[in-house]
């Protein structure tokens, strides 16, 4: 599920950027620092949407940069257990398929694809039901339930 969250951090503004508008510089630094980052508490940061507050800068001896306490808004994606999600199959392998769910890829294990014996057809690059003949291939849209989540910092995480 996508969330809008308010976060706080201290941003280092390098001296060569002092002449530029502070709001623009802080926004760019936050985007470079946070977008695409996984955090176990807030999930994956999809976008920094707004800088709410920028504190007065501090200069630390030995470093010419200014440090500002900032409050900002971010759009994040955090999958919840038992959440039903819509996704697109991005890869099919012998043990299941990978489904793009928001900004993340989730594993759809071969045993959970359908109520049928499923085998991997290497020629078609698809999972095929033995009795029904139904197939699951790259590009198919699917609805799935999140049954396991493992989110770790500096790692893309795992969704099952």
N, C-alpha and C. Protein backbone atom coordinates (compact mmCIF):
# COMPACT_ATOMS: atom_id res chain seq x y z
N UNK A 1 0.84 -1.16 0.00
CA UNK A 1 0.00 0.00 0.00
C UNK A 1 0.90 1.24 0.00
N UNK A 2 0.47 2.26 -0.71
CA UNK A 2 1.21 3.52 -0.75
C UNK A 2 0.83 4.39 0.45
N UNK A 3 1.82 5.08 0.99
CA UNK A 3 1.62 5.94 2.15
C UNK A 3 2.28 7.29 1.91
N UNK A 4 1.69 8.34 2.44
CA UNK A 4 2.35 9.65 2.52
C UNK A 4 2.84 9.79 3.95
N UNK A 5 4.14 9.97 4.11
CA UNK A 5 4.72 10.06 5.45
C UNK A 5 5.50 11.36 5.60
N UNK A 6 5.55 11.84 6.83
CA UNK A 6 6.35 13.02 7.16
C UNK A 6 7.61 12.52 7.85
N UNK A 7 8.77 12.93 7.34
CA UNK A 7 10.05 12.50 7.88
C UNK A 7 10.90 13.70 8.27
N UNK A 8 11.88 13.46 9.13
CA UNK A 8 12.81 14.51 9.54
C UNK A 8 14.23 14.01 9.31
N UNK A 9 15.12 14.91 8.92
CA UNK A 9 16.52 14.56 8.72
C UNK A 9 17.35 15.84 8.75
N UNK A 10 18.65 15.67 8.79
CA UNK A 10 19.58 16.79 8.67
C UNK A 10 20.23 16.68 7.30
N UNK A 11 20.16 17.76 6.53
CA UNK A 11 20.69 17.77 5.17
C UNK A 11 21.96 18.62 5.13
N UNK A 12 22.99 18.07 4.50
CA UNK A 12 24.25 18.78 4.31
C UNK A 12 24.21 19.49 2.96
N UNK A 13 24.32 20.83 2.99
CA UNK A 13 24.34 21.62 1.76
C UNK A 13 25.80 22.01 1.51
N UNK A 14 26.40 21.50 0.42
CA UNK A 14 27.81 21.80 0.16
C UNK A 14 28.02 23.28 -0.19
N UNK A 15 29.22 23.81 0.09
CA UNK A 15 29.47 25.24 -0.12
C UNK A 15 29.30 25.70 -1.57
N UNK A 16 29.59 24.84 -2.54
CA UNK A 16 29.46 25.26 -3.94
C UNK A 16 28.00 25.48 -4.36
N UNK A 17 27.04 25.13 -3.50
CA UNK A 17 25.62 25.31 -3.82
C UNK A 17 24.98 26.44 -3.02
N UNK A 18 25.80 27.23 -2.28
CA UNK A 18 25.27 28.30 -1.44
C UNK A 18 24.54 29.38 -2.23
N UNK A 19 24.89 29.64 -3.48
CA UNK A 19 24.26 30.69 -4.27
C UNK A 19 22.90 30.32 -4.83
N UNK A 20 22.54 29.05 -4.78
CA UNK A 20 21.28 28.57 -5.35
C UNK A 20 20.16 28.68 -4.31
N UNK A 21 18.90 28.68 -4.76
CA UNK A 21 17.77 28.71 -3.80
C UNK A 21 17.83 27.49 -2.87
N UNK A 22 17.75 27.74 -1.57
CA UNK A 22 17.91 26.69 -0.57
C UNK A 22 16.86 25.59 -0.72
N UNK A 23 15.60 25.95 -1.00
CA UNK A 23 14.53 24.95 -1.13
C UNK A 23 14.83 23.97 -2.27
N UNK A 24 15.33 24.51 -3.38
CA UNK A 24 15.65 23.68 -4.55
C UNK A 24 16.80 22.73 -4.23
N UNK A 25 17.84 23.25 -3.59
CA UNK A 25 19.01 22.44 -3.26
C UNK A 25 18.63 21.33 -2.28
N UNK A 26 17.88 21.67 -1.24
CA UNK A 26 17.46 20.67 -0.25
C UNK A 26 16.60 19.60 -0.90
N UNK A 27 15.67 19.98 -1.76
CA UNK A 27 14.81 19.01 -2.46
C UNK A 27 15.66 18.05 -3.29
N UNK A 28 16.63 18.57 -4.05
CA UNK A 28 17.49 17.72 -4.88
C UNK A 28 18.31 16.75 -4.03
N UNK A 29 18.85 17.24 -2.93
CA UNK A 29 19.66 16.38 -2.05
C UNK A 29 18.79 15.29 -1.43
N UNK A 30 17.59 15.64 -0.98
CA UNK A 30 16.67 14.65 -0.42
C UNK A 30 16.29 13.60 -1.46
N UNK A 31 16.03 14.03 -2.70
CA UNK A 31 15.67 13.09 -3.76
C UNK A 31 16.82 12.13 -4.03
N UNK A 32 18.04 12.65 -4.11
CA UNK A 32 19.20 11.79 -4.36
C UNK A 32 19.44 10.82 -3.21
N UNK A 33 19.17 11.27 -1.99
CA UNK A 33 19.45 10.47 -0.80
C UNK A 33 18.39 9.40 -0.56
N UNK A 34 17.13 9.73 -0.75
CA UNK A 34 16.04 8.86 -0.30
C UNK A 34 15.32 8.07 -1.39
N UNK A 35 15.13 8.63 -2.57
CA UNK A 35 14.30 7.95 -3.57
C UNK A 35 14.93 6.62 -3.97
N UNK A 36 14.11 5.57 -3.92
CA UNK A 36 14.57 4.23 -4.26
C UNK A 36 15.17 3.47 -3.09
N UNK A 37 15.19 4.09 -1.91
CA UNK A 37 15.79 3.46 -0.73
C UNK A 37 14.72 2.67 0.04
N UNK A 38 15.12 1.50 0.51
CA UNK A 38 14.23 0.65 1.30
C UNK A 38 14.50 0.89 2.78
N UNK A 39 13.44 1.04 3.55
CA UNK A 39 13.54 1.21 5.00
C UNK A 39 12.51 0.30 5.65
N UNK A 40 12.92 -0.44 6.67
CA UNK A 40 11.99 -1.41 7.28
C UNK A 40 10.79 -0.75 7.95
N UNK A 41 10.92 0.51 8.34
CA UNK A 41 9.82 1.19 9.02
C UNK A 41 8.83 1.84 8.05
N UNK A 42 9.32 2.48 7.00
CA UNK A 42 8.42 3.20 6.08
C UNK A 42 8.26 2.50 4.74
N UNK A 43 9.05 1.47 4.44
CA UNK A 43 8.97 0.79 3.16
C UNK A 43 9.91 1.42 2.15
N UNK A 44 9.58 1.29 0.87
CA UNK A 44 10.42 1.87 -0.17
C UNK A 44 9.97 3.30 -0.45
N UNK A 45 10.92 4.22 -0.44
CA UNK A 45 10.61 5.61 -0.74
C UNK A 45 10.50 5.74 -2.26
N UNK A 46 9.31 6.08 -2.72
CA UNK A 46 9.05 6.22 -4.15
C UNK A 46 9.41 7.62 -4.62
N UNK A 47 9.03 8.64 -3.84
CA UNK A 47 9.29 10.03 -4.23
C UNK A 47 9.28 10.93 -3.01
N UNK A 48 10.08 11.99 -3.09
CA UNK A 48 10.01 13.08 -2.11
C UNK A 48 9.06 14.09 -2.74
N UNK A 49 7.96 14.39 -2.05
CA UNK A 49 6.93 15.22 -2.67
C UNK A 49 6.96 16.68 -2.23
N UNK A 50 7.47 16.94 -1.02
CA UNK A 50 7.43 18.33 -0.54
C UNK A 50 8.41 18.50 0.61
N UNK A 51 9.02 19.69 0.67
CA UNK A 51 9.84 20.07 1.82
C UNK A 51 8.98 21.00 2.66
N UNK A 52 8.63 20.57 3.86
CA UNK A 52 7.72 21.33 4.71
C UNK A 52 8.43 22.43 5.49
N UNK A 53 9.63 22.13 5.97
CA UNK A 53 10.30 23.05 6.88
C UNK A 53 11.81 22.89 6.73
N UNK A 54 12.53 24.02 6.66
CA UNK A 54 14.00 24.00 6.62
C UNK A 54 14.50 24.86 7.77
N UNK A 55 15.26 24.24 8.66
CA UNK A 55 15.79 24.96 9.82
C UNK A 55 16.98 25.83 9.45
N UNK A 56 17.39 26.65 10.41
CA UNK A 56 18.55 27.51 10.22
C UNK A 56 19.79 26.63 10.09
N UNK A 57 20.68 27.00 9.16
CA UNK A 57 21.87 26.20 8.91
C UNK A 57 22.92 26.34 10.00
N UNK A 58 23.66 25.25 10.21
CA UNK A 58 24.79 25.24 11.14
C UNK A 58 26.03 24.87 10.35
N UNK A 59 27.15 25.49 10.69
CA UNK A 59 28.42 25.15 10.06
C UNK A 59 29.29 24.49 11.11
N UNK A 60 29.82 23.33 10.76
CA UNK A 60 30.66 22.57 11.68
C UNK A 60 32.12 22.87 11.35
N UNK A 61 32.94 23.10 12.38
CA UNK A 61 34.33 23.42 12.17
C UNK A 61 35.03 22.32 11.37
N UNK A 62 35.77 22.73 10.36
CA UNK A 62 36.48 21.78 9.52
C UNK A 62 35.69 21.36 8.29
N UNK A 63 34.43 21.77 8.22
CA UNK A 63 33.59 21.45 7.06
C UNK A 63 32.88 22.73 6.65
N UNK A 64 33.05 23.15 5.41
CA UNK A 64 32.48 24.41 4.95
C UNK A 64 31.00 24.34 4.63
N UNK A 65 30.41 23.15 4.70
CA UNK A 65 29.00 22.99 4.35
C UNK A 65 28.10 23.47 5.48
N UNK A 66 26.84 23.76 5.13
CA UNK A 66 25.86 24.08 6.16
C UNK A 66 24.93 22.89 6.36
N UNK A 67 24.53 22.68 7.60
CA UNK A 67 23.67 21.56 7.95
C UNK A 67 22.32 22.10 8.40
N UNK A 68 21.25 21.63 7.76
CA UNK A 68 19.90 22.12 8.03
C UNK A 68 19.02 20.96 8.48
N UNK A 69 18.29 21.17 9.58
CA UNK A 69 17.26 20.20 9.98
C UNK A 69 16.05 20.45 9.09
N UNK A 70 15.55 19.40 8.45
CA UNK A 70 14.43 19.56 7.53
C UNK A 70 13.30 18.59 7.90
N UNK A 71 12.09 19.01 7.59
CA UNK A 71 10.90 18.17 7.69
C UNK A 71 10.37 18.07 6.27
N UNK A 72 10.13 16.84 5.80
CA UNK A 72 9.70 16.67 4.41
C UNK A 72 8.67 15.56 4.30
N UNK A 73 7.95 15.59 3.18
CA UNK A 73 6.91 14.59 2.91
C UNK A 73 7.41 13.65 1.82
N UNK A 74 7.15 12.36 2.02
CA UNK A 74 7.57 11.36 1.05
C UNK A 74 6.41 10.43 0.73
N UNK A 75 6.40 9.93 -0.49
CA UNK A 75 5.47 8.90 -0.91
C UNK A 75 6.21 7.58 -0.81
N UNK A 76 5.68 6.63 -0.04
CA UNK A 76 6.35 5.35 0.15
C UNK A 76 5.42 4.20 -0.23
N UNK A 77 6.03 3.05 -0.48
CA UNK A 77 5.26 1.83 -0.73
C UNK A 77 5.68 0.80 0.30
N UNK A 78 4.72 0.32 1.08
CA UNK A 78 4.99 -0.69 2.10
C UNK A 78 3.92 -1.78 1.96
N UNK A 79 4.31 -2.96 1.48
CA UNK A 79 3.33 -4.04 1.36
C UNK A 79 2.93 -4.54 2.75
N UNK A 80 1.65 -4.84 2.91
CA UNK A 80 1.12 -5.33 4.18
C UNK A 80 0.75 -6.81 4.03
N UNK A 81 0.94 -7.58 5.09
CA UNK A 81 0.55 -8.99 5.06
C UNK A 81 -0.94 -9.12 4.76
N UNK A 82 -1.27 -10.08 3.93
CA UNK A 82 -2.64 -10.40 3.51
C UNK A 82 -3.28 -9.33 2.63
N UNK A 83 -2.51 -8.35 2.21
CA UNK A 83 -3.02 -7.33 1.28
C UNK A 83 -3.19 -7.97 -0.10
N UNK A 84 -4.28 -7.69 -0.77
CA UNK A 84 -4.50 -8.17 -2.13
C UNK A 84 -4.00 -7.08 -3.07
N UNK A 85 -3.09 -7.46 -3.97
CA UNK A 85 -2.45 -6.49 -4.85
C UNK A 85 -2.64 -6.88 -6.31
N UNK A 86 -2.60 -5.89 -7.17
CA UNK A 86 -2.60 -6.13 -8.61
C UNK A 86 -1.17 -5.96 -9.10
N UNK A 87 -0.76 -6.80 -10.04
CA UNK A 87 0.60 -6.71 -10.55
C UNK A 87 0.70 -7.26 -11.95
N UNK A 88 1.89 -7.09 -12.51
CA UNK A 88 2.18 -7.59 -13.85
C UNK A 88 3.36 -8.55 -13.77
N UNK A 89 3.23 -9.69 -14.44
CA UNK A 89 4.31 -10.68 -14.47
C UNK A 89 5.46 -10.11 -15.29
N UNK A 90 6.65 -10.03 -14.66
CA UNK A 90 7.81 -9.47 -15.36
C UNK A 90 8.82 -10.54 -15.74
N UNK A 91 8.73 -11.72 -15.10
CA UNK A 91 9.65 -12.81 -15.43
C UNK A 91 9.03 -14.12 -14.99
N UNK A 92 9.22 -15.16 -15.82
CA UNK A 92 8.74 -16.50 -15.47
C UNK A 92 9.95 -17.42 -15.43
N UNK A 93 10.08 -18.15 -14.32
CA UNK A 93 11.19 -19.08 -14.14
C UNK A 93 10.62 -20.43 -13.70
N UNK A 94 11.48 -21.44 -13.61
CA UNK A 94 11.01 -22.79 -13.33
C UNK A 94 10.34 -22.94 -11.96
N UNK A 95 10.67 -22.08 -11.00
CA UNK A 95 10.09 -22.21 -9.65
C UNK A 95 8.95 -21.23 -9.40
N UNK A 96 8.54 -20.48 -10.40
CA UNK A 96 7.43 -19.54 -10.24
C UNK A 96 7.58 -18.35 -11.16
N UNK A 97 7.07 -17.22 -10.72
CA UNK A 97 7.19 -16.00 -11.53
C UNK A 97 7.41 -14.81 -10.62
N UNK A 98 7.95 -13.75 -11.21
CA UNK A 98 8.14 -12.51 -10.48
C UNK A 98 7.11 -11.51 -10.98
N UNK A 99 6.43 -10.89 -10.03
CA UNK A 99 5.32 -9.98 -10.34
C UNK A 99 5.69 -8.59 -9.84
N UNK A 100 5.56 -7.59 -10.71
CA UNK A 100 5.83 -6.21 -10.32
C UNK A 100 4.64 -5.70 -9.53
N UNK A 101 4.89 -5.40 -8.25
CA UNK A 101 3.87 -4.91 -7.34
C UNK A 101 4.34 -3.54 -6.86
N UNK A 102 3.74 -2.49 -7.37
CA UNK A 102 4.24 -1.15 -7.05
C UNK A 102 5.66 -1.03 -7.57
N UNK A 103 6.59 -0.54 -6.76
CA UNK A 103 7.97 -0.40 -7.21
C UNK A 103 8.82 -1.65 -6.97
N UNK A 104 8.23 -2.72 -6.44
CA UNK A 104 8.97 -3.92 -6.07
C UNK A 104 8.54 -5.12 -6.91
N UNK A 105 9.42 -6.12 -6.98
CA UNK A 105 9.07 -7.39 -7.62
C UNK A 105 8.84 -8.42 -6.53
N UNK A 106 7.73 -9.15 -6.63
CA UNK A 106 7.37 -10.17 -5.65
C UNK A 106 7.44 -11.54 -6.31
N UNK A 107 7.82 -12.54 -5.53
CA UNK A 107 7.86 -13.91 -6.02
C UNK A 107 6.49 -14.55 -5.88
N UNK A 108 5.99 -15.08 -6.97
CA UNK A 108 4.77 -15.88 -6.96
C UNK A 108 5.22 -17.32 -7.18
N UNK A 109 5.25 -18.10 -6.10
CA UNK A 109 5.78 -19.46 -6.17
C UNK A 109 4.89 -20.34 -7.03
N UNK A 110 5.49 -21.29 -7.72
CA UNK A 110 4.77 -22.17 -8.65
C UNK A 110 3.62 -22.91 -7.96
N UNK A 111 3.77 -23.21 -6.67
CA UNK A 111 2.71 -23.93 -5.95
C UNK A 111 1.51 -23.04 -5.65
N UNK A 112 1.65 -21.73 -5.82
CA UNK A 112 0.56 -20.81 -5.49
C UNK A 112 -0.03 -20.12 -6.73
N UNK A 113 0.35 -20.57 -7.91
CA UNK A 113 -0.10 -19.91 -9.13
C UNK A 113 -1.58 -20.17 -9.39
N UNK A 114 -2.00 -21.42 -9.31
CA UNK A 114 -3.41 -21.76 -9.57
C UNK A 114 -3.75 -23.10 -8.93
N UNK A 115 -5.03 -23.43 -8.89
CA UNK A 115 -5.49 -24.70 -8.31
C UNK A 115 -5.41 -25.79 -9.37
N UNK A 116 -4.20 -26.15 -9.73
CA UNK A 116 -3.94 -27.14 -10.76
C UNK A 116 -2.47 -27.52 -10.63
N UNK A 117 -2.10 -28.68 -11.15
CA UNK A 117 -0.68 -29.02 -11.20
C UNK A 117 -0.05 -28.14 -12.27
N UNK A 118 0.98 -27.41 -11.91
CA UNK A 118 1.59 -26.44 -12.82
C UNK A 118 3.00 -26.88 -13.17
N UNK A 119 3.33 -26.78 -14.45
CA UNK A 119 4.69 -27.08 -14.89
C UNK A 119 5.23 -25.91 -15.71
N UNK A 120 6.54 -25.84 -15.79
CA UNK A 120 7.20 -24.76 -16.52
C UNK A 120 7.46 -25.21 -17.95
N UNK A 121 6.94 -24.48 -18.92
CA UNK A 121 7.17 -24.76 -20.34
C UNK A 121 8.27 -23.81 -20.81
N UNK A 122 9.46 -24.37 -21.00
CA UNK A 122 10.63 -23.54 -21.35
C UNK A 122 10.49 -22.90 -22.73
N UNK A 123 9.86 -23.62 -23.67
CA UNK A 123 9.69 -23.07 -25.03
C UNK A 123 8.80 -21.83 -25.04
N UNK A 124 7.70 -21.90 -24.30
CA UNK A 124 6.77 -20.77 -24.23
C UNK A 124 7.22 -19.73 -23.21
N UNK A 125 8.10 -20.13 -22.29
CA UNK A 125 8.49 -19.24 -21.20
C UNK A 125 7.30 -18.95 -20.31
N UNK A 126 6.52 -20.01 -20.03
CA UNK A 126 5.27 -19.83 -19.29
C UNK A 126 5.06 -20.98 -18.32
N UNK A 127 4.22 -20.73 -17.34
CA UNK A 127 3.75 -21.77 -16.44
C UNK A 127 2.41 -22.24 -16.97
N UNK A 128 2.24 -23.58 -17.10
CA UNK A 128 1.05 -24.14 -17.73
C UNK A 128 0.36 -25.10 -16.76
N UNK A 129 -0.97 -24.95 -16.62
CA UNK A 129 -1.77 -25.86 -15.80
C UNK A 129 -1.99 -27.16 -16.55
N UNK A 130 -1.78 -28.30 -15.88
CA UNK A 130 -1.87 -29.61 -16.53
C UNK A 130 -3.28 -29.92 -17.00
N UNK A 131 -4.28 -29.75 -16.13
CA UNK A 131 -5.66 -30.11 -16.49
C UNK A 131 -6.40 -28.98 -17.20
N UNK A 132 -6.19 -27.75 -16.76
CA UNK A 132 -6.95 -26.63 -17.32
C UNK A 132 -6.31 -26.05 -18.58
N UNK A 133 -4.99 -26.21 -18.72
CA UNK A 133 -4.31 -25.63 -19.88
C UNK A 133 -4.08 -24.13 -19.74
N UNK A 134 -4.44 -23.55 -18.60
CA UNK A 134 -4.23 -22.12 -18.38
C UNK A 134 -2.73 -21.83 -18.33
N UNK A 135 -2.34 -20.66 -18.81
CA UNK A 135 -0.93 -20.29 -18.81
C UNK A 135 -0.72 -18.97 -18.06
N UNK A 136 0.48 -18.83 -17.55
CA UNK A 136 0.91 -17.58 -16.93
C UNK A 136 2.23 -17.23 -17.58
N UNK A 137 2.24 -16.09 -18.28
CA UNK A 137 3.45 -15.70 -19.01
C UNK A 137 3.76 -14.23 -18.74
N UNK A 138 4.93 -13.82 -19.19
CA UNK A 138 5.36 -12.44 -19.01
C UNK A 138 4.36 -11.47 -19.63
N UNK A 139 4.02 -10.43 -18.89
CA UNK A 139 3.07 -9.42 -19.37
C UNK A 139 1.65 -9.64 -18.86
N UNK A 140 1.36 -10.83 -18.32
CA UNK A 140 0.02 -11.09 -17.78
C UNK A 140 -0.23 -10.25 -16.53
N UNK A 141 -1.48 -9.83 -16.37
CA UNK A 141 -1.89 -9.11 -15.17
C UNK A 141 -2.44 -10.13 -14.18
N UNK A 142 -2.06 -9.99 -12.91
CA UNK A 142 -2.51 -10.94 -11.89
C UNK A 142 -2.96 -10.21 -10.64
N UNK A 143 -3.78 -10.90 -9.87
CA UNK A 143 -4.19 -10.43 -8.55
C UNK A 143 -3.62 -11.46 -7.57
N UNK A 144 -2.93 -10.97 -6.55
CA UNK A 144 -2.28 -11.88 -5.61
C UNK A 144 -2.42 -11.35 -4.19
N UNK A 145 -2.22 -12.25 -3.24
CA UNK A 145 -2.25 -11.88 -1.83
C UNK A 145 -0.82 -11.94 -1.30
N UNK A 146 -0.43 -10.93 -0.54
CA UNK A 146 0.90 -10.89 0.07
C UNK A 146 0.89 -11.82 1.28
N UNK A 147 1.74 -12.86 1.25
CA UNK A 147 1.77 -13.82 2.35
C UNK A 147 3.06 -13.74 3.16
N UNK A 148 4.05 -13.02 2.66
CA UNK A 148 5.28 -12.84 3.43
C UNK A 148 5.99 -11.58 2.96
N UNK A 149 6.58 -10.86 3.92
CA UNK A 149 7.29 -9.62 3.61
C UNK A 149 8.59 -9.60 4.40
N UNK A 150 9.68 -9.26 3.72
CA UNK A 150 10.97 -9.10 4.38
C UNK A 150 11.60 -7.83 3.83
N UNK A 151 11.57 -6.76 4.62
CA UNK A 151 12.14 -5.49 4.19
C UNK A 151 13.36 -5.18 5.05
N UNK A 152 14.48 -4.92 4.39
CA UNK A 152 15.70 -4.57 5.11
C UNK A 152 16.29 -3.32 4.48
N UNK A 153 16.95 -2.50 5.29
CA UNK A 153 17.58 -1.27 4.81
C UNK A 153 18.68 -1.61 3.81
N UNK A 154 18.83 -0.77 2.79
CA UNK A 154 19.86 -0.93 1.75
C UNK A 154 19.71 -2.25 1.01
N UNK A 155 18.48 -2.74 0.88
CA UNK A 155 18.20 -3.99 0.20
C UNK A 155 16.81 -3.88 -0.38
N UNK A 156 16.58 -4.47 -1.52
CA UNK A 156 15.29 -4.32 -2.20
C UNK A 156 14.15 -5.03 -1.47
N UNK A 157 14.48 -5.98 -0.58
CA UNK A 157 13.43 -6.66 0.17
C UNK A 157 12.85 -7.83 -0.60
N UNK A 158 12.04 -8.63 0.10
CA UNK A 158 11.39 -9.79 -0.52
C UNK A 158 9.92 -9.77 -0.18
N UNK A 159 9.11 -10.06 -1.18
CA UNK A 159 7.67 -10.19 -0.98
C UNK A 159 7.27 -11.53 -1.55
N UNK A 160 6.45 -12.26 -0.83
CA UNK A 160 5.98 -13.54 -1.33
C UNK A 160 4.48 -13.56 -1.39
